[in-house]
Amino acid sequence: MSENAMLDYFRLFNEIGIIEQLSRNMMEARLPPGFVLAQFSVLNHLVRVGDGRTPVAIAKAFQVPKTSMTHSLAVLEREGLIDIRKNPKDGRSKLVHITDAGRKFRQDAIDSVAPDLKRIAGAVPPEHVARLLPDLEILRSFLDKDRDASK
């Protein structure tokens, strides 16, 4: 790989990192007091990939220690946003299910960033976003598979 190409990859990931930090702060500012993006992200994950995941599988998906995920799940369960049930196929493990209140919380959080997204749309037209998404999805998909293959 050429030095210029290497620099472009670095610039790409640098921009993604900065965007992640700025978008995290934007989203957390809109969440109810006491909630952080990690907890919203668990709810979003459960809606995106489906209910019935083990805490270990969720921790693996987020690449965080099980203890960190256990804390996030405890907060969500205490607030009635998820149910943690025994796994009927394996009595030693548990499965996480999002509740109706959790789905509403997630949707309310998404709705709360609408003013921010409208401001962003004024600067970054929808057709630019539509053009970026497929390439970002390819990159995310590769990184997901590469992470799983390298363990």
N, C-alpha and C. Protein backbone atom coordinates (compact mmCIF):
# COMPACT_ATOMS: atom_id res chain seq x y z
N MET A 1 0.85 -1.18 0.00
CA MET A 1 0.00 0.00 0.00
C MET A 1 0.90 1.24 0.00
N SER A 2 0.53 2.21 -0.80
CA SER A 2 1.32 3.44 -0.87
C SER A 2 1.17 4.25 0.42
N GLU A 3 2.12 5.13 0.63
CA GLU A 3 2.06 5.99 1.81
C GLU A 3 0.84 6.90 1.76
N ASN A 4 0.49 7.38 0.57
CA ASN A 4 -0.70 8.23 0.43
C ASN A 4 -1.98 7.46 0.77
N ALA A 5 -2.05 6.21 0.29
CA ALA A 5 -3.23 5.39 0.61
C ALA A 5 -3.31 5.13 2.11
N MET A 6 -2.16 4.84 2.73
CA MET A 6 -2.12 4.61 4.18
C MET A 6 -2.62 5.84 4.92
N LEU A 7 -2.19 7.01 4.49
CA LEU A 7 -2.63 8.26 5.12
C LEU A 7 -4.13 8.46 4.93
N ASP A 8 -4.66 8.09 3.77
CA ASP A 8 -6.10 8.21 3.54
C ASP A 8 -6.88 7.30 4.49
N TYR A 9 -6.40 6.08 4.71
CA TYR A 9 -7.07 5.19 5.67
C TYR A 9 -7.00 5.77 7.07
N PHE A 10 -5.86 6.31 7.44
CA PHE A 10 -5.75 6.94 8.75
C PHE A 10 -6.72 8.10 8.86
N ARG A 11 -6.76 8.96 7.84
CA ARG A 11 -7.68 10.10 7.85
C ARG A 11 -9.13 9.63 7.97
N LEU A 12 -9.47 8.55 7.26
CA LEU A 12 -10.83 8.02 7.32
C LEU A 12 -11.19 7.64 8.75
N PHE A 13 -10.34 6.86 9.39
CA PHE A 13 -10.65 6.42 10.75
C PHE A 13 -10.57 7.57 11.75
N ASN A 14 -9.71 8.52 11.49
CA ASN A 14 -9.65 9.70 12.35
C ASN A 14 -10.96 10.48 12.27
N GLU A 15 -11.47 10.69 11.05
CA GLU A 15 -12.75 11.39 10.88
C GLU A 15 -13.89 10.62 11.54
N ILE A 16 -13.92 9.30 11.36
CA ILE A 16 -14.96 8.47 11.98
C ILE A 16 -14.90 8.61 13.50
N GLY A 17 -13.69 8.60 14.06
CA GLY A 17 -13.54 8.75 15.51
C GLY A 17 -14.05 10.08 16.02
N ILE A 18 -13.73 11.15 15.31
CA ILE A 18 -14.20 12.47 15.70
C ILE A 18 -15.72 12.55 15.59
N ILE A 19 -16.26 12.02 14.49
CA ILE A 19 -17.71 12.00 14.31
C ILE A 19 -18.37 11.20 15.42
N GLU A 20 -17.77 10.08 15.79
CA GLU A 20 -18.33 9.25 16.87
C GLU A 20 -18.39 10.04 18.17
N GLN A 21 -17.31 10.73 18.50
CA GLN A 21 -17.27 11.50 19.75
C GLN A 21 -18.32 12.62 19.74
N LEU A 22 -18.39 13.35 18.65
CA LEU A 22 -19.36 14.45 18.56
C LEU A 22 -20.80 13.93 18.58
N SER A 23 -21.06 12.85 17.87
CA SER A 23 -22.43 12.32 17.84
C SER A 23 -22.80 11.70 19.19
N ARG A 24 -21.84 11.09 19.87
CA ARG A 24 -22.10 10.55 21.21
C ARG A 24 -22.52 11.68 22.15
N ASN A 25 -21.78 12.77 22.13
CA ASN A 25 -22.12 13.90 23.01
C ASN A 25 -23.49 14.48 22.66
N MET A 26 -23.79 14.57 21.37
CA MET A 26 -25.10 15.09 20.94
C MET A 26 -26.22 14.19 21.47
N MET A 27 -26.06 12.88 21.30
CA MET A 27 -27.10 11.94 21.72
C MET A 27 -27.25 11.92 23.23
N GLU A 28 -26.13 11.88 23.95
CA GLU A 28 -26.21 11.82 25.42
C GLU A 28 -26.85 13.07 26.00
N ALA A 29 -26.68 14.21 25.33
CA ALA A 29 -27.30 15.45 25.80
C ALA A 29 -28.82 15.36 25.72
N ARG A 30 -29.34 14.50 24.86
CA ARG A 30 -30.78 14.38 24.66
C ARG A 30 -31.40 13.24 25.48
N LEU A 31 -30.57 12.37 26.04
CA LEU A 31 -31.10 11.26 26.85
C LEU A 31 -31.57 11.77 28.20
N PRO A 32 -32.52 11.08 28.83
CA PRO A 32 -32.94 11.48 30.17
C PRO A 32 -31.75 11.43 31.15
N PRO A 33 -31.80 12.26 32.18
CA PRO A 33 -30.71 12.25 33.17
C PRO A 33 -30.47 10.84 33.72
N GLY A 34 -29.20 10.52 33.88
CA GLY A 34 -28.83 9.21 34.42
C GLY A 34 -28.59 8.14 33.37
N PHE A 35 -28.89 8.44 32.11
CA PHE A 35 -28.67 7.48 31.04
C PHE A 35 -27.50 7.91 30.18
N VAL A 36 -26.78 6.92 29.67
CA VAL A 36 -25.65 7.18 28.77
C VAL A 36 -25.89 6.44 27.46
N LEU A 37 -25.09 6.78 26.47
CA LEU A 37 -25.26 6.20 25.15
C LEU A 37 -25.11 4.69 25.16
N ALA A 38 -24.26 4.16 26.02
CA ALA A 38 -24.07 2.71 26.08
C ALA A 38 -25.40 2.00 26.36
N GLN A 39 -26.21 2.55 27.23
CA GLN A 39 -27.49 1.93 27.55
C GLN A 39 -28.46 2.06 26.39
N PHE A 40 -28.53 3.24 25.77
CA PHE A 40 -29.36 3.39 24.58
C PHE A 40 -28.90 2.41 23.50
N SER A 41 -27.61 2.27 23.34
CA SER A 41 -27.05 1.40 22.30
C SER A 41 -27.47 -0.05 22.48
N VAL A 42 -27.58 -0.50 23.73
CA VAL A 42 -28.05 -1.87 23.98
C VAL A 42 -29.49 -2.02 23.49
N LEU A 43 -30.33 -1.04 23.81
CA LEU A 43 -31.72 -1.10 23.34
C LEU A 43 -31.77 -1.08 21.82
N ASN A 44 -30.97 -0.22 21.22
CA ASN A 44 -30.93 -0.12 19.77
C ASN A 44 -30.45 -1.44 19.16
N HIS A 45 -29.47 -2.06 19.77
CA HIS A 45 -28.94 -3.35 19.31
C HIS A 45 -30.03 -4.42 19.35
N LEU A 46 -30.78 -4.46 20.45
CA LEU A 46 -31.83 -5.47 20.58
C LEU A 46 -32.93 -5.28 19.54
N VAL A 47 -33.23 -4.04 19.22
CA VAL A 47 -34.23 -3.79 18.17
C VAL A 47 -33.66 -4.20 16.81
N ARG A 48 -32.40 -3.88 16.58
CA ARG A 48 -31.77 -4.13 15.27
C ARG A 48 -31.56 -5.61 15.01
N VAL A 49 -31.04 -6.36 16.01
CA VAL A 49 -30.70 -7.77 15.77
C VAL A 49 -31.71 -8.74 16.36
N GLY A 50 -32.60 -8.25 17.21
CA GLY A 50 -33.63 -9.11 17.79
C GLY A 50 -33.37 -9.44 19.24
N ASP A 51 -34.46 -9.76 19.90
CA ASP A 51 -34.45 -10.15 21.32
C ASP A 51 -33.78 -11.50 21.54
N GLY A 52 -33.62 -11.81 22.81
CA GLY A 52 -33.19 -13.15 23.18
C GLY A 52 -31.70 -13.38 23.08
N ARG A 53 -30.90 -12.34 23.22
CA ARG A 53 -29.43 -12.48 23.20
C ARG A 53 -28.94 -12.68 24.63
N THR A 54 -27.87 -13.42 24.77
CA THR A 54 -27.28 -13.59 26.10
C THR A 54 -26.48 -12.33 26.43
N PRO A 55 -26.30 -12.05 27.72
CA PRO A 55 -25.44 -10.92 28.10
C PRO A 55 -24.03 -11.05 27.51
N VAL A 56 -23.51 -12.27 27.45
CA VAL A 56 -22.17 -12.48 26.89
C VAL A 56 -22.15 -12.12 25.40
N ALA A 57 -23.18 -12.51 24.67
CA ALA A 57 -23.24 -12.19 23.24
C ALA A 57 -23.34 -10.69 23.02
N ILE A 58 -24.10 -10.01 23.87
CA ILE A 58 -24.23 -8.56 23.75
C ILE A 58 -22.89 -7.89 24.07
N ALA A 59 -22.24 -8.34 25.14
CA ALA A 59 -20.93 -7.79 25.50
C ALA A 59 -19.93 -8.00 24.35
N LYS A 60 -19.97 -9.17 23.75
CA LYS A 60 -19.07 -9.45 22.62
C LYS A 60 -19.36 -8.53 21.45
N ALA A 61 -20.63 -8.29 21.16
CA ALA A 61 -21.01 -7.41 20.05
C ALA A 61 -20.48 -6.00 20.27
N PHE A 62 -20.45 -5.56 21.52
CA PHE A 62 -19.99 -4.21 21.85
C PHE A 62 -18.51 -4.18 22.20
N GLN A 63 -17.89 -5.35 22.25
CA GLN A 63 -16.48 -5.47 22.58
C GLN A 63 -16.16 -4.82 23.93
N VAL A 64 -16.97 -5.15 24.91
CA VAL A 64 -16.75 -4.68 26.28
C VAL A 64 -16.71 -5.89 27.20
N PRO A 65 -16.08 -5.75 28.36
CA PRO A 65 -16.08 -6.86 29.32
C PRO A 65 -17.51 -7.18 29.78
N LYS A 66 -17.73 -8.44 30.11
CA LYS A 66 -19.06 -8.86 30.59
C LYS A 66 -19.49 -8.05 31.80
N THR A 67 -18.54 -7.68 32.67
CA THR A 67 -18.88 -6.90 33.87
C THR A 67 -19.44 -5.53 33.49
N SER A 68 -18.87 -4.90 32.47
CA SER A 68 -19.39 -3.60 32.02
C SER A 68 -20.80 -3.76 31.46
N MET A 69 -21.01 -4.82 30.68
CA MET A 69 -22.33 -5.04 30.11
C MET A 69 -23.33 -5.38 31.21
N THR A 70 -22.90 -6.13 32.20
CA THR A 70 -23.78 -6.48 33.31
C THR A 70 -24.30 -5.22 33.99
N HIS A 71 -23.44 -4.23 34.15
CA HIS A 71 -23.86 -2.97 34.77
C HIS A 71 -24.91 -2.26 33.91
N SER A 72 -24.66 -2.15 32.60
CA SER A 72 -25.63 -1.51 31.71
C SER A 72 -26.96 -2.25 31.72
N LEU A 73 -26.90 -3.57 31.68
CA LEU A 73 -28.13 -4.36 31.70
C LEU A 73 -28.88 -4.19 33.01
N ALA A 74 -28.16 -4.09 34.11
CA ALA A 74 -28.81 -3.90 35.42
C ALA A 74 -29.58 -2.58 35.45
N VAL A 75 -28.98 -1.53 34.92
CA VAL A 75 -29.66 -0.23 34.87
C VAL A 75 -30.92 -0.33 34.02
N LEU A 76 -30.78 -0.93 32.84
CA LEU A 76 -31.93 -1.06 31.94
C LEU A 76 -33.04 -1.92 32.55
N GLU A 77 -32.65 -2.98 33.25
CA GLU A 77 -33.66 -3.84 33.88
C GLU A 77 -34.34 -3.10 35.03
N ARG A 78 -33.56 -2.41 35.84
CA ARG A 78 -34.13 -1.65 36.96
C ARG A 78 -35.14 -0.62 36.48
N GLU A 79 -34.89 -0.04 35.30
CA GLU A 79 -35.79 0.97 34.74
C GLU A 79 -36.95 0.36 33.96
N GLY A 80 -37.00 -0.98 33.88
CA GLY A 80 -38.09 -1.65 33.19
C GLY A 80 -37.98 -1.62 31.67
N LEU A 81 -36.77 -1.37 31.17
CA LEU A 81 -36.57 -1.25 29.73
C LEU A 81 -36.20 -2.58 29.08
N ILE A 82 -35.73 -3.52 29.89
CA ILE A 82 -35.46 -4.88 29.42
C ILE A 82 -35.93 -5.86 30.47
N ASP A 83 -36.13 -7.10 30.04
CA ASP A 83 -36.36 -8.23 30.94
C ASP A 83 -35.20 -9.19 30.73
N ILE A 84 -34.68 -9.71 31.83
CA ILE A 84 -33.65 -10.74 31.73
C ILE A 84 -34.29 -12.02 32.24
N ARG A 85 -34.37 -13.00 31.34
CA ARG A 85 -35.07 -14.25 31.64
C ARG A 85 -34.11 -15.43 31.56
N LYS A 86 -34.49 -16.49 32.26
CA LYS A 86 -33.70 -17.72 32.15
C LYS A 86 -33.80 -18.25 30.73
N ASN A 87 -32.70 -18.81 30.27
CA ASN A 87 -32.66 -19.41 28.95
C ASN A 87 -33.34 -20.78 29.03
N PRO A 88 -34.44 -20.98 28.30
CA PRO A 88 -35.14 -22.26 28.40
C PRO A 88 -34.32 -23.43 27.86
N LYS A 89 -33.32 -23.15 27.02
CA LYS A 89 -32.48 -24.21 26.45
C LYS A 89 -31.27 -24.51 27.31
N ASP A 90 -30.91 -23.57 28.20
CA ASP A 90 -29.73 -23.73 29.04
C ASP A 90 -29.98 -22.97 30.34
N GLY A 91 -30.33 -23.66 31.37
CA GLY A 91 -30.70 -23.05 32.64
C GLY A 91 -29.60 -22.22 33.29
N ARG A 92 -28.36 -22.38 32.81
CA ARG A 92 -27.25 -21.63 33.40
C ARG A 92 -27.13 -20.23 32.83
N SER A 93 -27.70 -19.99 31.65
CA SER A 93 -27.56 -18.67 31.04
C SER A 93 -28.90 -17.93 31.03
N LYS A 94 -28.81 -16.66 30.71
CA LYS A 94 -29.99 -15.81 30.67
C LYS A 94 -30.11 -15.17 29.29
N LEU A 95 -31.32 -14.72 28.98
CA LEU A 95 -31.58 -14.05 27.71
C LEU A 95 -32.16 -12.67 27.99
N VAL A 96 -31.77 -11.71 27.19
CA VAL A 96 -32.20 -10.32 27.35
C VAL A 96 -33.28 -10.02 26.32
N HIS A 97 -34.39 -9.47 26.80
CA HIS A 97 -35.51 -9.08 25.93
C HIS A 97 -35.86 -7.63 26.21
N ILE A 98 -36.06 -6.86 25.14
CA ILE A 98 -36.47 -5.47 25.30
C ILE A 98 -37.97 -5.44 25.60
N THR A 99 -38.37 -4.57 26.49
CA THR A 99 -39.79 -4.44 26.85
C THR A 99 -40.43 -3.37 25.96
N ASP A 100 -41.74 -3.28 26.05
CA ASP A 100 -42.44 -2.21 25.32
C ASP A 100 -41.94 -0.84 25.79
N ALA A 101 -41.70 -0.72 27.10
CA ALA A 101 -41.16 0.54 27.63
C ALA A 101 -39.77 0.81 27.05
N GLY A 102 -38.98 -0.23 26.86
CA GLY A 102 -37.66 -0.08 26.26
C GLY A 102 -37.75 0.37 24.81
N ARG A 103 -38.70 -0.19 24.08
CA ARG A 103 -38.89 0.23 22.68
C ARG A 103 -39.33 1.70 22.62
N LYS A 104 -40.21 2.08 23.55
CA LYS A 104 -40.67 3.48 23.59
C LYS A 104 -39.51 4.41 23.97
N PHE A 105 -38.71 4.01 24.95
CA PHE A 105 -37.56 4.80 25.37
C PHE A 105 -36.63 5.03 24.17
N ARG A 106 -36.34 3.95 23.44
CA ARG A 106 -35.47 4.04 22.26
C ARG A 106 -36.05 5.00 21.23
N GLN A 107 -37.34 4.86 20.94
CA GLN A 107 -37.96 5.73 19.93
C GLN A 107 -37.99 7.17 20.41
N ASP A 108 -38.28 7.38 21.68
CA ASP A 108 -38.27 8.75 22.23
C ASP A 108 -36.88 9.36 22.11
N ALA A 109 -35.85 8.56 22.36
CA ALA A 109 -34.48 9.06 22.25
C ALA A 109 -34.16 9.44 20.81
N ILE A 110 -34.59 8.61 19.88
CA ILE A 110 -34.37 8.92 18.46
C ILE A 110 -35.12 10.19 18.09
N ASP A 111 -36.37 10.29 18.54
CA ASP A 111 -37.17 11.48 18.25
C ASP A 111 -36.54 12.74 18.85
N SER A 112 -35.88 12.58 20.01
CA SER A 112 -35.30 13.75 20.69
C SER A 112 -34.14 14.36 19.92
N VAL A 113 -33.49 13.59 19.06
CA VAL A 113 -32.37 14.15 18.27
C VAL A 113 -32.85 14.69 16.92
N ALA A 114 -34.14 14.65 16.67
CA ALA A 114 -34.67 15.16 15.39
C ALA A 114 -34.23 16.60 15.11
N PRO A 115 -34.30 17.51 16.10
CA PRO A 115 -33.84 18.88 15.80
C PRO A 115 -32.36 18.92 15.39
N ASP A 116 -31.54 18.11 16.03
CA ASP A 116 -30.12 18.05 15.68
C ASP A 116 -29.95 17.51 14.26
N LEU A 117 -30.69 16.45 13.95
CA LEU A 117 -30.58 15.85 12.62
C LEU A 117 -31.06 16.82 11.53
N LYS A 118 -32.07 17.61 11.85
CA LYS A 118 -32.55 18.60 10.88
C LYS A 118 -31.48 19.67 10.62
N ARG A 119 -30.78 20.09 11.68
CA ARG A 119 -29.69 21.05 11.51
C ARG A 119 -28.57 20.44 10.66
N ILE A 120 -28.26 19.18 10.94
CA ILE A 120 -27.22 18.49 10.17
C ILE A 120 -27.63 18.38 8.71
N ALA A 121 -28.89 18.04 8.47
CA ALA A 121 -29.39 17.90 7.10
C ALA A 121 -29.28 19.21 6.33
N GLY A 122 -29.33 20.34 7.04
CA GLY A 122 -29.15 21.63 6.39
C GLY A 122 -27.73 21.82 5.87
N ALA A 123 -26.77 21.15 6.51
CA ALA A 123 -25.37 21.28 6.11
C ALA A 123 -24.90 20.11 5.25
N VAL A 124 -25.48 18.94 5.48
CA VAL A 124 -25.10 17.72 4.75
C VAL A 124 -26.38 17.19 4.11
N PRO A 125 -26.58 17.46 2.83
CA PRO A 125 -27.84 17.09 2.18
C PRO A 125 -28.10 15.57 2.22
N PRO A 126 -29.37 15.18 2.22
CA PRO A 126 -29.74 13.76 2.28
C PRO A 126 -29.08 12.91 1.19
N GLU A 127 -28.89 13.48 0.01
CA GLU A 127 -28.27 12.68 -1.05
C GLU A 127 -26.80 12.37 -0.75
N HIS A 128 -26.13 13.23 0.02
CA HIS A 128 -24.75 12.93 0.44
C HIS A 128 -24.76 11.77 1.44
N VAL A 129 -25.71 11.81 2.36
CA VAL A 129 -25.82 10.73 3.34
C VAL A 129 -26.13 9.42 2.63
N ALA A 130 -27.06 9.45 1.71
CA ALA A 130 -27.43 8.24 0.97
C ALA A 130 -26.23 7.69 0.20
N ARG A 131 -25.38 8.57 -0.29
CA ARG A 131 -24.19 8.15 -1.03
C ARG A 131 -23.14 7.55 -0.11
N LEU A 132 -23.02 8.08 1.12
CA LEU A 132 -22.02 7.60 2.08
C LEU A 132 -22.39 6.26 2.71
N LEU A 133 -23.67 6.06 2.98
CA LEU A 133 -24.11 4.88 3.75
C LEU A 133 -23.64 3.54 3.20
N PRO A 134 -23.79 3.24 1.92
CA PRO A 134 -23.36 1.91 1.46
C PRO A 134 -21.88 1.63 1.71
N ASP A 135 -21.02 2.63 1.49
CA ASP A 135 -19.59 2.42 1.72
C ASP A 135 -19.28 2.24 3.21
N LEU A 136 -19.95 3.01 4.04
CA LEU A 136 -19.74 2.86 5.50
C LEU A 136 -20.23 1.49 5.97
N GLU A 137 -21.34 1.02 5.40
CA GLU A 137 -21.86 -0.30 5.77
C GLU A 137 -20.89 -1.40 5.35
N ILE A 138 -20.24 -1.25 4.20
CA ILE A 138 -19.22 -2.22 3.76
C ILE A 138 -18.06 -2.22 4.75
N LEU A 139 -17.60 -1.05 5.14
CA LEU A 139 -16.49 -0.95 6.09
C LEU A 139 -16.88 -1.57 7.43
N ARG A 140 -18.07 -1.25 7.94
CA ARG A 140 -18.53 -1.81 9.21
C ARG A 140 -18.65 -3.32 9.13
N SER A 141 -19.19 -3.81 8.05
CA SER A 141 -19.34 -5.26 7.88
C SER A 141 -17.98 -5.95 7.88
N PHE A 142 -17.01 -5.38 7.16
CA PHE A 142 -15.67 -5.96 7.16
C PHE A 142 -15.08 -5.97 8.56
N LEU A 143 -15.19 -4.84 9.26
CA LEU A 143 -14.62 -4.77 10.61
C LEU A 143 -15.28 -5.75 11.57
N ASP A 144 -16.61 -5.93 11.44
CA ASP A 144 -17.32 -6.94 12.25
C ASP A 144 -16.76 -8.33 12.00
N LYS A 145 -16.65 -8.69 10.73
CA LYS A 145 -16.16 -10.03 10.37
C LYS A 145 -14.70 -10.21 10.75
N ASP A 146 -13.90 -9.18 10.54
CA ASP A 146 -12.47 -9.24 10.86
C ASP A 146 -12.26 -9.40 12.36
N ARG A 147 -13.07 -8.70 13.15
CA ARG A 147 -12.99 -8.82 14.61
C ARG A 147 -13.27 -10.26 15.03
N ASP A 148 -14.33 -10.82 14.48
CA ASP A 148 -14.71 -12.18 14.85
C ASP A 148 -13.69 -13.21 14.37
N ALA A 149 -13.08 -12.97 13.22
CA ALA A 149 -12.10 -13.92 12.66
C ALA A 149 -10.78 -13.88 13.39
N SER A 150 -10.45 -12.73 13.99
CA SER A 150 -9.15 -12.60 14.64
C SER A 150 -9.16 -13.03 16.11
N LYS A 151 -10.26 -13.60 16.56
CA LYS A 151 -10.32 -14.05 17.97
C LYS A 151 -10.22 -15.54 18.04
